[in-house]
Amino acid sequence: MQNKMDLQSNFVDRPDLDETFADSIRSLTFDGQTMRIMFCTTRLDQPKQTDQPLAKQYPVCRLVLTPPAVVDLFNKLQQLMSVMEQSGVIKKESIPPRTVQ
């Protein structure tokens, strides 16, 4: 049986597929077989006159990936981060070395 990664495939777009907005990732887990990512969006309740607005986080998408798809996502995110850094959109922070006491 041929590996899925060895198969040649053609991309077929689906313009009817909805986009989902997320402003945070609530959880990221790996169970040994699949990685699950829960994307969320934060919404503010209307504050009463004296109260602070209350933020609530709602799940908007649960994405499940196979290990090869996780590797593909990682590689593509690395490429994107490099382009964003080169264009000045983001700045890479240097992590100070840890000292052993």
PDB file of N, CA and C in Angstrom:
ATOM      1  N   MET A   1       0.849  -1.185   0.000  1.00  0.00           N
ATOM      2  CA  MET A   1       0.000   0.000   0.000  1.00  0.00           C
ATOM      3  C   MET A   1       0.890   1.241   0.000  1.00  0.00           C
ATOM      4  N   GLN A   2       0.513   2.202  -0.806  1.00  0.00           N
ATOM      5  CA  GLN A   2       1.315   3.412  -0.955  1.00  0.00           C
ATOM      6  C   GLN A   2       1.020   4.396   0.174  1.00  0.00           C
ATOM      7  N   ASN A   3       2.067   5.063   0.663  1.00  0.00           N
ATOM      8  CA  ASN A   3       1.932   6.076   1.703  1.00  0.00           C
ATOM      9  C   ASN A   3       1.202   7.286   1.128  1.00  0.00           C
ATOM     10  N   LYS A   4       0.326   7.925   1.922  1.00  0.00           N
ATOM     11  CA  LYS A   4      -0.412   9.103   1.460  1.00  0.00           C
ATOM     12  C   LYS A   4       0.512  10.231   1.029  1.00  0.00           C
ATOM     13  N   MET A   5       1.666  10.357   1.695  1.00  0.00           N
ATOM     14  CA  MET A   5       2.597  11.432   1.367  1.00  0.00           C
ATOM     15  C   MET A   5       3.250  11.192   0.009  1.00  0.00           C
ATOM     16  N   ASP A   6       3.259   9.926  -0.482  1.00  0.00           N
ATOM     17  CA  ASP A   6       3.849   9.598  -1.769  1.00  0.00           C
ATOM     18  C   ASP A   6       2.884   9.853  -2.921  1.00  0.00           C
ATOM     19  N   LEU A   7       1.608   9.946  -2.633  1.00  0.00           N
ATOM     20  CA  LEU A   7       0.612  10.150  -3.676  1.00  0.00           C
ATOM     21  C   LEU A   7       0.643  11.582  -4.188  1.00  0.00           C
ATOM     22  N   GLN A   8       0.448  11.725  -5.493  1.00  0.00           N
ATOM     23  CA  GLN A   8       0.351  13.062  -6.063  1.00  0.00           C
ATOM     24  C   GLN A   8      -1.117  13.464  -6.021  1.00  0.00           C
ATOM     25  N   SER A   9      -1.380  14.700  -5.614  1.00  0.00           N
ATOM     26  CA  SER A   9      -2.770  15.143  -5.523  1.00  0.00           C
ATOM     27  C   SER A   9      -2.910  16.533  -6.122  1.00  0.00           C
ATOM     28  N   ASN A  10      -4.101  16.813  -6.592  1.00  0.00           N
ATOM     29  CA  ASN A  10      -4.436  18.133  -7.119  1.00  0.00           C
ATOM     30  C   ASN A  10      -5.329  18.836  -6.118  1.00  0.00           C
ATOM     31  N   PHE A  11      -5.077  20.125  -5.903  1.00  0.00           N
ATOM     32  CA  PHE A  11      -5.891  20.916  -4.983  1.00  0.00           C
ATOM     33  C   PHE A  11      -7.175  21.327  -5.685  1.00  0.00           C
ATOM     34  N   VAL A  12      -8.302  21.118  -5.019  1.00  0.00           N
ATOM     35  CA  VAL A  12      -9.602  21.538  -5.532  1.00  0.00           C
ATOM     36  C   VAL A  12     -10.193  22.494  -4.510  1.00  0.00           C
ATOM     37  N   ASP A  13     -10.312  23.772  -4.885  1.00  0.00           N
ATOM     38  CA  ASP A  13     -10.820  24.784  -3.955  1.00  0.00           C
ATOM     39  C   ASP A  13     -12.316  24.608  -3.735  1.00  0.00           C
ATOM     40  N   ARG A  14     -12.766  25.001  -2.549  1.00  0.00           N
ATOM     41  CA  ARG A  14     -14.193  25.011  -2.223  1.00  0.00           C
ATOM     42  C   ARG A  14     -14.564  26.416  -1.780  1.00  0.00           C
ATOM     43  N   PRO A  15     -15.005  27.267  -2.703  1.00  0.00           N
ATOM     44  CA  PRO A  15     -15.350  28.647  -2.347  1.00  0.00           C
ATOM     45  C   PRO A  15     -16.488  28.740  -1.331  1.00  0.00           C
ATOM     46  N   ASP A  16     -17.290  27.687  -1.200  1.00  0.00           N
ATOM     47  CA  ASP A  16     -18.412  27.695  -0.260  1.00  0.00           C
ATOM     48  C   ASP A  16     -17.967  27.443   1.179  1.00  0.00           C
ATOM     49  N   LEU A  17     -16.696  27.091   1.392  1.00  0.00           N
ATOM     50  CA  LEU A  17     -16.197  26.788   2.730  1.00  0.00           C
ATOM     51  C   LEU A  17     -16.062  28.072   3.542  1.00  0.00           C
ATOM     52  N   ASP A  18     -16.709  28.117   4.695  1.00  0.00           N
ATOM     53  CA  ASP A  18     -16.667  29.309   5.544  1.00  0.00           C
ATOM     54  C   ASP A  18     -15.315  29.455   6.222  1.00  0.00           C
ATOM     55  N   GLU A  19     -14.911  30.707   6.460  1.00  0.00           N
ATOM     56  CA  GLU A  19     -13.734  30.996   7.267  1.00  0.00           C
ATOM     57  C   GLU A  19     -14.180  31.163   8.710  1.00  0.00           C
ATOM     58  N   THR A  20     -13.298  30.818   9.634  1.00  0.00           N
ATOM     59  CA  THR A  20     -13.594  30.952  11.055  1.00  0.00           C
ATOM     60  C   THR A  20     -12.560  31.864  11.681  1.00  0.00           C
ATOM     61  N   PHE A  21     -13.018  32.906  12.388  1.00  0.00           N
ATOM     62  CA  PHE A  21     -12.119  33.835  13.071  1.00  0.00           C
ATOM     63  C   PHE A  21     -11.827  33.323  14.473  1.00  0.00           C
ATOM     64  N   ALA A  22     -10.559  33.371  14.863  1.00  0.00           N
ATOM     65  CA  ALA A  22     -10.154  33.032  16.228  1.00  0.00           C
ATOM     66  C   ALA A  22      -9.122  34.052  16.676  1.00  0.00           C
ATOM     67  N   ASP A  23      -9.167  34.434  17.963  1.00  0.00           N
ATOM     68  CA  ASP A  23      -8.167  35.370  18.485  1.00  0.00           C
ATOM     69  C   ASP A  23      -7.287  34.730  19.557  1.00  0.00           C
ATOM     70  N   SER A  24      -7.503  33.429  19.802  1.00  0.00           N
ATOM     71  CA  SER A  24      -6.666  32.745  20.787  1.00  0.00           C
ATOM     72  C   SER A  24      -6.738  31.236  20.585  1.00  0.00           C
ATOM     73  N   ILE A  25      -5.766  30.560  21.164  1.00  0.00           N
ATOM     74  CA  ILE A  25      -5.763  29.095  21.185  1.00  0.00           C
ATOM     75  C   ILE A  25      -5.908  28.680  22.637  1.00  0.00           C
ATOM     76  N   ARG A  26      -6.977  27.988  22.938  1.00  0.00           N
ATOM     77  CA  ARG A  26      -7.283  27.584  24.310  1.00  0.00           C
ATOM     78  C   ARG A  26      -6.462  26.372  24.741  1.00  0.00           C
ATOM     79  N   SER A  27      -6.349  25.403  23.840  1.00  0.00           N
ATOM     80  CA  SER A  27      -5.603  24.204  24.214  1.00  0.00           C
ATOM     81  C   SER A  27      -4.964  23.571  22.987  1.00  0.00           C
ATOM     82  N   LEU A  28      -3.909  22.832  23.288  1.00  0.00           N
ATOM     83  CA  LEU A  28      -3.144  22.122  22.269  1.00  0.00           C
ATOM     84  C   LEU A  28      -2.714  20.811  22.913  1.00  0.00           C
ATOM     85  N   THR A  29      -3.212  19.682  22.396  1.00  0.00           N
ATOM     86  CA  THR A  29      -2.895  18.396  23.012  1.00  0.00           C
ATOM     87  C   THR A  29      -2.481  17.383  21.949  1.00  0.00           C
ATOM     88  N   PHE A  30      -1.670  16.433  22.368  1.00  0.00           N
ATOM     89  CA  PHE A  30      -1.276  15.323  21.499  1.00  0.00           C
ATOM     90  C   PHE A  30      -1.491  14.035  22.272  1.00  0.00           C
ATOM     91  N   ASP A  31      -2.276  13.129  21.714  1.00  0.00           N
ATOM     92  CA  ASP A  31      -2.604  11.882  22.415  1.00  0.00           C
ATOM     93  C   ASP A  31      -1.788  10.684  21.931  1.00  0.00           C
ATOM     94  N   GLY A  32      -0.758  10.950  21.140  1.00  0.00           N
ATOM     95  CA  GLY A  32       0.040   9.866  20.592  1.00  0.00           C
ATOM     96  C   GLY A  32      -0.340   9.524  19.158  1.00  0.00           C
ATOM     97  N   GLN A  33      -1.542   9.901  18.753  1.00  0.00           N
ATOM     98  CA  GLN A  33      -2.024   9.633  17.398  1.00  0.00           C
ATOM     99  C   GLN A  33      -2.390  10.909  16.642  1.00  0.00           C
ATOM    100  N   THR A  34      -2.981  11.859  17.360  1.00  0.00           N
ATOM    101  CA  THR A  34      -3.437  13.098  16.729  1.00  0.00           C
ATOM    102  C   THR A  34      -3.157  14.292  17.631  1.00  0.00           C
ATOM    103  N   MET A  35      -3.001  15.449  16.999  1.00  0.00           N
ATOM    104  CA  MET A  35      -2.882  16.698  17.749  1.00  0.00           C
ATOM    105  C   MET A  35      -4.217  17.424  17.620  1.00  0.00           C
ATOM    106  N   ARG A  36      -4.692  17.933  18.724  1.00  0.00           N
ATOM    107  CA  ARG A  36      -5.959  18.670  18.745  1.00  0.00           C
ATOM    108  C   ARG A  36      -5.685  20.103  19.177  1.00  0.00           C
ATOM    109  N   ILE A  37      -6.230  21.037  18.403  1.00  0.00           N
ATOM    110  CA  ILE A  37      -6.088  22.457  18.710  1.00  0.00           C
ATOM    111  C   ILE A  37      -7.487  23.037  18.859  1.00  0.00           C
ATOM    112  N   MET A  38      -7.731  23.719  19.984  1.00  0.00           N
ATOM    113  CA  MET A  38      -9.015  24.393  20.171  1.00  0.00           C
ATOM    114  C   MET A  38      -8.803  25.895  20.001  1.00  0.00           C
ATOM    115  N   PHE A  39      -9.404  26.440  18.950  1.00  0.00           N
ATOM    116  CA  PHE A  39      -9.347  27.869  18.674  1.00  0.00           C
ATOM    117  C   PHE A  39     -10.552  28.543  19.316  1.00  0.00           C
ATOM    118  N   CYS A  40     -10.328  29.734  19.874  1.00  0.00           N
ATOM    119  CA  CYS A  40     -11.399  30.455  20.564  1.00  0.00           C
ATOM    120  C   CYS A  40     -11.457  31.910  20.118  1.00  0.00           C
ATOM    121  N   THR A  41     -12.559  32.532  20.447  1.00  0.00           N
ATOM    122  CA  THR A  41     -12.704  33.971  20.285  1.00  0.00           C
ATOM    123  C   THR A  41     -13.203  34.537  21.607  1.00  0.00           C
ATOM    124  N   THR A  42     -12.780  35.752  21.910  1.00  0.00           N
ATOM    125  CA  THR A  42     -13.161  36.405  23.161  1.00  0.00           C
ATOM    126  C   THR A  42     -14.228  37.445  22.869  1.00  0.00           C
ATOM    127  N   ARG A  43     -15.272  37.419  23.651  1.00  0.00           N
ATOM    128  CA  ARG A  43     -16.355  38.399  23.501  1.00  0.00           C
ATOM    129  C   ARG A  43     -16.596  39.064  24.846  1.00  0.00           C
ATOM    130  N   LEU A  44     -16.912  40.348  24.777  1.00  0.00           N
ATOM    131  CA  LEU A  44     -17.193  41.113  25.994  1.00  0.00           C
ATOM    132  C   LEU A  44     -18.691  41.221  26.202  1.00  0.00           C
ATOM    133  N   ASP A  45     -19.132  40.991  27.448  1.00  0.00           N
ATOM    134  CA  ASP A  45     -20.524  41.248  27.807  1.00  0.00           C
ATOM    135  C   ASP A  45     -20.706  42.748  27.932  1.00  0.00           C
ATOM    136  N   GLN A  46     -21.899  43.213  27.670  1.00  0.00           N
ATOM    137  CA  GLN A  46     -22.194  44.631  27.862  1.00  0.00           C
ATOM    138  C   GLN A  46     -22.133  44.932  29.358  1.00  0.00           C
ATOM    139  N   PRO A  47     -21.299  45.894  29.754  1.00  0.00           N
ATOM    140  CA  PRO A  47     -21.186  46.187  31.190  1.00  0.00           C
ATOM    141  C   PRO A  47     -22.407  46.950  31.689  1.00  0.00           C
ATOM    142  N   LYS A  48     -22.746  46.680  32.936  1.00  0.00           N
ATOM    143  CA  LYS A  48     -23.754  47.514  33.588  1.00  0.00           C
ATOM    144  C   LYS A  48     -23.058  48.817  33.942  1.00  0.00           C
ATOM    145  N   GLN A  49     -23.763  49.804  34.388  1.00  0.00           N
ATOM    146  CA  GLN A  49     -23.196  51.140  34.577  1.00  0.00           C
ATOM    147  C   GLN A  49     -21.971  51.150  35.485  1.00  0.00           C
ATOM    148  N   THR A  50     -21.940  50.339  36.515  1.00  0.00           N
ATOM    149  CA  THR A  50     -20.824  50.390  37.465  1.00  0.00           C
ATOM    150  C   THR A  50     -19.856  49.212  37.329  1.00  0.00           C
ATOM    151  N   ASP A  51     -20.194  48.250  36.509  1.00  0.00           N
ATOM    152  CA  ASP A  51     -19.367  47.044  36.397  1.00  0.00           C
ATOM    153  C   ASP A  51     -18.340  47.156  35.272  1.00  0.00           C
ATOM    154  N   GLN A  52     -17.267  46.420  35.463  1.00  0.00           N
ATOM    155  CA  GLN A  52     -16.289  46.251  34.396  1.00  0.00           C
ATOM    156  C   GLN A  52     -16.881  45.263  33.385  1.00  0.00           C
ATOM    157  N   PRO A  53     -16.562  45.405  32.118  1.00  0.00           N
ATOM    158  CA  PRO A  53     -17.049  44.402  31.163  1.00  0.00           C
ATOM    159  C   PRO A  53     -16.438  43.034  31.475  1.00  0.00           C
ATOM    160  N   LEU A  54     -17.221  41.996  31.292  1.00  0.00           N
ATOM    161  CA  LEU A  54     -16.765  40.637  31.552  1.00  0.00           C
ATOM    162  C   LEU A  54     -16.445  39.965  30.223  1.00  0.00           C
ATOM    163  N   ALA A  55     -15.242  39.435  30.102  1.00  0.00           N
ATOM    164  CA  ALA A  55     -14.844  38.746  28.879  1.00  0.00           C
ATOM    165  C   ALA A  55     -15.154  37.260  29.008  1.00  0.00           C
ATOM    166  N   LYS A  56     -15.666  36.695  27.934  1.00  0.00           N
ATOM    167  CA  LYS A  56     -15.918  35.257  27.876  1.00  0.00           C
ATOM    168  C   LYS A  56     -15.231  34.712  26.634  1.00  0.00           C
ATOM    169  N   GLN A  57     -14.643  33.528  26.784  1.00  0.00           N
ATOM    170  CA  GLN A  57     -13.955  32.890  25.675  1.00  0.00           C
ATOM    171  C   GLN A  57     -14.837  31.756  25.152  1.00  0.00           C
ATOM    172  N   TYR A  58     -15.087  31.770  23.845  1.00  0.00           N
ATOM    173  CA  TYR A  58     -15.940  30.769  23.216  1.00  0.00           C
ATOM    174  C   TYR A  58     -15.138  29.950  22.204  1.00  0.00           C
ATOM    175  N   PRO A  59     -15.287  28.623  22.221  1.00  0.00           N
ATOM    176  CA  PRO A  59     -14.624  27.829  21.183  1.00  0.00           C
ATOM    177  C   PRO A  59     -15.297  28.081  19.834  1.00  0.00           C
ATOM    178  N   VAL A  60     -14.480  28.212  18.788  1.00  0.00           N
ATOM    179  CA  VAL A  60     -15.023  28.431  17.447  1.00  0.00           C
ATOM    180  C   VAL A  60     -14.594  27.338  16.470  1.00  0.00           C
ATOM    181  N   CYS A  61     -13.537  26.576  16.832  1.00  0.00           N
ATOM    182  CA  CYS A  61     -13.057  25.514  15.943  1.00  0.00           C
ATOM    183  C   CYS A  61     -12.205  24.539  16.741  1.00  0.00           C
ATOM    184  N   ARG A  62     -12.412  23.259  16.505  1.00  0.00           N
ATOM    185  CA  ARG A  62     -11.545  22.222  17.066  1.00  0.00           C
ATOM    186  C   ARG A  62     -10.902  21.504  15.887  1.00  0.00           C
ATOM    187  N   LEU A  63      -9.597  21.696  15.751  1.00  0.00           N
ATOM    188  CA  LEU A  63      -8.866  21.143  14.617  1.00  0.00           C
ATOM    189  C   LEU A  63      -8.090  19.914  15.070  1.00  0.00           C
ATOM    190  N   VAL A  64      -8.213  18.813  14.337  1.00  0.00           N
ATOM    191  CA  VAL A  64      -7.522  17.570  14.664  1.00  0.00           C
ATOM    192  C   VAL A  64      -6.595  17.230  13.499  1.00  0.00           C
ATOM    193  N   LEU A  65      -5.296  17.026  13.808  1.00  0.00           N
ATOM    194  CA  LEU A  65      -4.291  16.783  12.778  1.00  0.00           C
ATOM    195  C   LEU A  65      -3.530  15.488  13.031  1.00  0.00           C
ATOM    196  N   THR A  66      -3.154  14.815  11.957  1.00  0.00           N
ATOM    197  CA  THR A  66      -2.275  13.648  12.049  1.00  0.00           C
ATOM    198  C   THR A  66      -0.843  14.137  12.254  1.00  0.00           C
ATOM    199  N   PRO A  67       0.064  13.277  12.746  1.00  0.00           N
ATOM    200  CA  PRO A  67       1.456  13.709  12.905  1.00  0.00           C
ATOM    201  C   PRO A  67       2.086  14.292  11.633  1.00  0.00           C
ATOM    202  N   PRO A  68       1.887  13.700  10.435  1.00  0.00           N
ATOM    203  CA  PRO A  68       2.467  14.335   9.241  1.00  0.00           C
ATOM    204  C   PRO A  68       1.888  15.733   8.976  1.00  0.00           C
ATOM    205  N   ALA A  69       0.614  15.924   9.271  1.00  0.00           N
ATOM    206  CA  ALA A  69       0.007  17.246   9.087  1.00  0.00           C
ATOM    207  C   ALA A  69       0.565  18.240  10.103  1.00  0.00           C
ATOM    208  N   VAL A  70       0.874  17.771  11.321  1.00  0.00           N
ATOM    209  CA  VAL A  70       1.484  18.633  12.344  1.00  0.00           C
ATOM    210  C   VAL A  70       2.858  19.097  11.872  1.00  0.00           C
ATOM    211  N   VAL A  71       3.643  18.187  11.320  1.00  0.00           N
ATOM    212  CA  VAL A  71       4.969  18.541  10.807  1.00  0.00           C
ATOM    213  C   VAL A  71       4.837  19.549   9.670  1.00  0.00           C
ATOM    214  N   ASP A  72       3.883  19.333   8.773  1.00  0.00           N
ATOM    215  CA  ASP A  72       3.650  20.255   7.660  1.00  0.00           C
ATOM    216  C   ASP A  72       3.247  21.634   8.177  1.00  0.00           C
ATOM    217  N   LEU A  73       2.349  21.671   9.171  1.00  0.00           N
ATOM    218  CA  LEU A  73       1.934  22.937   9.776  1.00  0.00           C
ATOM    219  C   LEU A  73       3.124  23.643  10.415  1.00  0.00           C
ATOM    220  N   PHE A  74       3.937  22.912  11.151  1.00  0.00           N
ATOM    221  CA  PHE A  74       5.116  23.475  11.808  1.00  0.00           C
ATOM    222  C   PHE A  74       6.058  24.105  10.781  1.00  0.00           C
ATOM    223  N   ASN A  75       6.352  23.372   9.712  1.00  0.00           N
ATOM    224  CA  ASN A  75       7.263  23.882   8.687  1.00  0.00           C
ATOM    225  C   ASN A  75       6.711  25.131   8.004  1.00  0.00           C
ATOM    226  N   LYS A  76       5.428  25.128   7.705  1.00  0.00           N
ATOM    227  CA  LYS A  76       4.822  26.288   7.042  1.00  0.00           C
ATOM    228  C   LYS A  76       4.755  27.490   7.986  1.00  0.00           C
ATOM    229  N   LEU A  77       4.503  27.249   9.269  1.00  0.00           N
ATOM    230  CA  LEU A  77       4.504  28.347  10.242  1.00  0.00           C
ATOM    231  C   LEU A  77       5.899  28.935  10.402  1.00  0.00           C
ATOM    232  N   GLN A  78       6.924  28.088  10.389  1.00  0.00           N
ATOM    233  CA  GLN A  78       8.298  28.592  10.462  1.00  0.00           C
ATOM    234  C   GLN A  78       8.608  29.496   9.274  1.00  0.00           C
ATOM    235  N   GLN A  79       8.194  29.084   8.082  1.00  0.00           N
ATOM    236  CA  GLN A  79       8.419  29.899   6.886  1.00  0.00           C
ATOM    237  C   GLN A  79       7.682  31.230   7.000  1.00  0.00           C
ATOM    238  N   LEU A  80       6.438  31.186   7.451  1.00  0.00           N
ATOM    239  CA  LEU A  80       5.641  32.402   7.594  1.00  0.00           C
ATOM    240  C   LEU A  80       6.239  33.335   8.635  1.00  0.00           C
ATOM    241  N   MET A  81       6.681  32.788   9.764  1.00  0.00           N
ATOM    242  CA  MET A  81       7.288  33.611  10.811  1.00  0.00           C
ATOM    243  C   MET A  81       8.548  34.291  10.295  1.00  0.00           C
ATOM    244  N   SER A  82       9.317  33.596   9.488  1.00  0.00           N
ATOM    245  CA  SER A  82      10.531  34.170   8.910  1.00  0.00           C
ATOM    246  C   SER A  82      10.191  35.348   7.999  1.00  0.00           C
ATOM    247  N   VAL A  83       9.180  35.188   7.163  1.00  0.00           N
ATOM    248  CA  VAL A  83       8.745  36.273   6.273  1.00  0.00           C
ATOM    249  C   VAL A  83       8.219  37.449   7.086  1.00  0.00           C
ATOM    250  N   MET A  84       7.436  37.177   8.126  1.00  0.00           N
ATOM    251  CA  MET A  84       6.888  38.249   8.962  1.00  0.00           C
ATOM    252  C   MET A  84       8.000  38.991   9.693  1.00  0.00           C
ATOM    253  N   GLU A  85       9.015  38.260  10.137  1.00  0.00           N
ATOM    254  CA  GLU A  85      10.148  38.888  10.822  1.00  0.00           C
ATOM    255  C   GLU A  85      10.948  39.755   9.847  1.00  0.00           C
ATOM    256  N   GLN A  86      11.209  39.238   8.658  1.00  0.00           N
ATOM    257  CA  GLN A  86      11.969  39.987   7.656  1.00  0.00           C
ATOM    258  C   GLN A  86      11.242  41.252   7.215  1.00  0.00           C
ATOM    259  N   SER A  87       9.913  41.215   7.198  1.00  0.00           N
ATOM    260  CA  SER A  87       9.146  42.388   6.775  1.00  0.00           C
ATOM    261  C   SER A  87       8.856  43.341   7.929  1.00  0.00           C
ATOM    262  N   GLY A  88       9.287  42.995   9.151  1.00  0.00           N
ATOM    263  CA  GLY A  88       9.130  43.884  10.292  1.00  0.00           C
ATOM    264  C   GLY A  88       7.792  43.801  10.999  1.00  0.00           C
ATOM    265  N   VAL A  89       6.964  42.845  10.619  1.00  0.00           N
ATOM    266  CA  VAL A  89       5.651  42.687  11.260  1.00  0.00           C
ATOM    267  C   VAL A  89       5.805  42.183  12.689  1.00  0.00           C
ATOM    268  N   ILE A  90       6.768  41.285  12.901  1.00  0.00           N
ATOM    269  CA  ILE A  90       7.053  40.768  14.237  1.00  0.00           C
ATOM    270  C   ILE A  90       8.544  40.891  14.502  1.00  0.00           C
ATOM    271  N   LYS A  91       8.904  40.838  15.769  1.00  0.00           N
ATOM    272  CA  LYS A  91      10.311  40.890  16.149  1.00  0.00           C
ATOM    273  C   LYS A  91      10.610  39.678  17.015  1.00  0.00           C
ATOM    274  N   LYS A  92      11.646  38.959  16.644  1.00  0.00           N
ATOM    275  CA  LYS A  92      12.043  37.775  17.400  1.00  0.00           C
ATOM    276  C   LYS A  92      12.692  38.218  18.702  1.00  0.00           C
ATOM    277  N   GLU A  93      12.211  37.683  19.814  1.00  0.00           N
ATOM    278  CA  GLU A  93      12.790  37.995  21.116  1.00  0.00           C
ATOM    279  C   GLU A  93      13.869  36.977  21.436  1.00  0.00           C
ATOM    280  N   SER A  94      14.992  37.476  21.922  1.00  0.00           N
ATOM    281  CA  SER A  94      16.039  36.543  22.332  1.00  0.00           C
ATOM    282  C   SER A  94      15.758  36.090  23.759  1.00  0.00           C
ATOM    283  N   ILE A  95      15.909  34.810  23.966  1.00  0.00           N
ATOM    284  CA  ILE A  95      15.669  34.231  25.288  1.00  0.00           C
ATOM    285  C   ILE A  95      17.000  34.202  26.027  1.00  0.00           C
ATOM    286  N   PRO A  96      17.058  34.831  27.212  1.00  0.00           N
ATOM    287  CA  PRO A  96      18.326  34.820  27.951  1.00  0.00           C
ATOM    288  C   PRO A  96      18.692  33.397  28.363  1.00  0.00           C
ATOM    289  N   PRO A  97      19.982  33.081  28.373  1.00  0.00           N
ATOM    290  CA  PRO A  97      20.386  31.721  28.766  1.00  0.00           C
ATOM    291  C   PRO A  97      20.040  31.453  30.224  1.00  0.00           C
ATOM    292  N   ARG A  98      19.652  30.213  30.496  1.00  0.00           N
ATOM    293  CA  ARG A  98      19.331  29.817  31.869  1.00  0.00           C
ATOM    294  C   ARG A  98      20.622  29.531  32.606  1.00  0.00           C
ATOM    295  N   THR A  99      20.635  29.913  33.850  1.00  0.00           N
ATOM    296  CA  THR A  99      21.809  29.624  34.678  1.00  0.00           C
ATOM    297  C   THR A  99      21.451  28.550  35.690  1.00  0.00           C
ATOM    298  N   VAL A 100      22.386  27.674  35.924  1.00  0.00           N
ATOM    299  CA  VAL A 100      22.185  26.598  36.896  1.00  0.00           C
ATOM    300  C   VAL A 100      22.785  27.041  38.217  1.00  0.00           C
ATOM    301  N   GLN A 101      22.005  26.919  39.272  1.00  0.00           N
ATOM    302  CA  GLN A 101      22.490  27.336  40.594  1.00  0.00           C
ATOM    303  C   GLN A 101      22.709  26.149  41.480  1.00  0.00           C
TER     304      GLN A 101
END
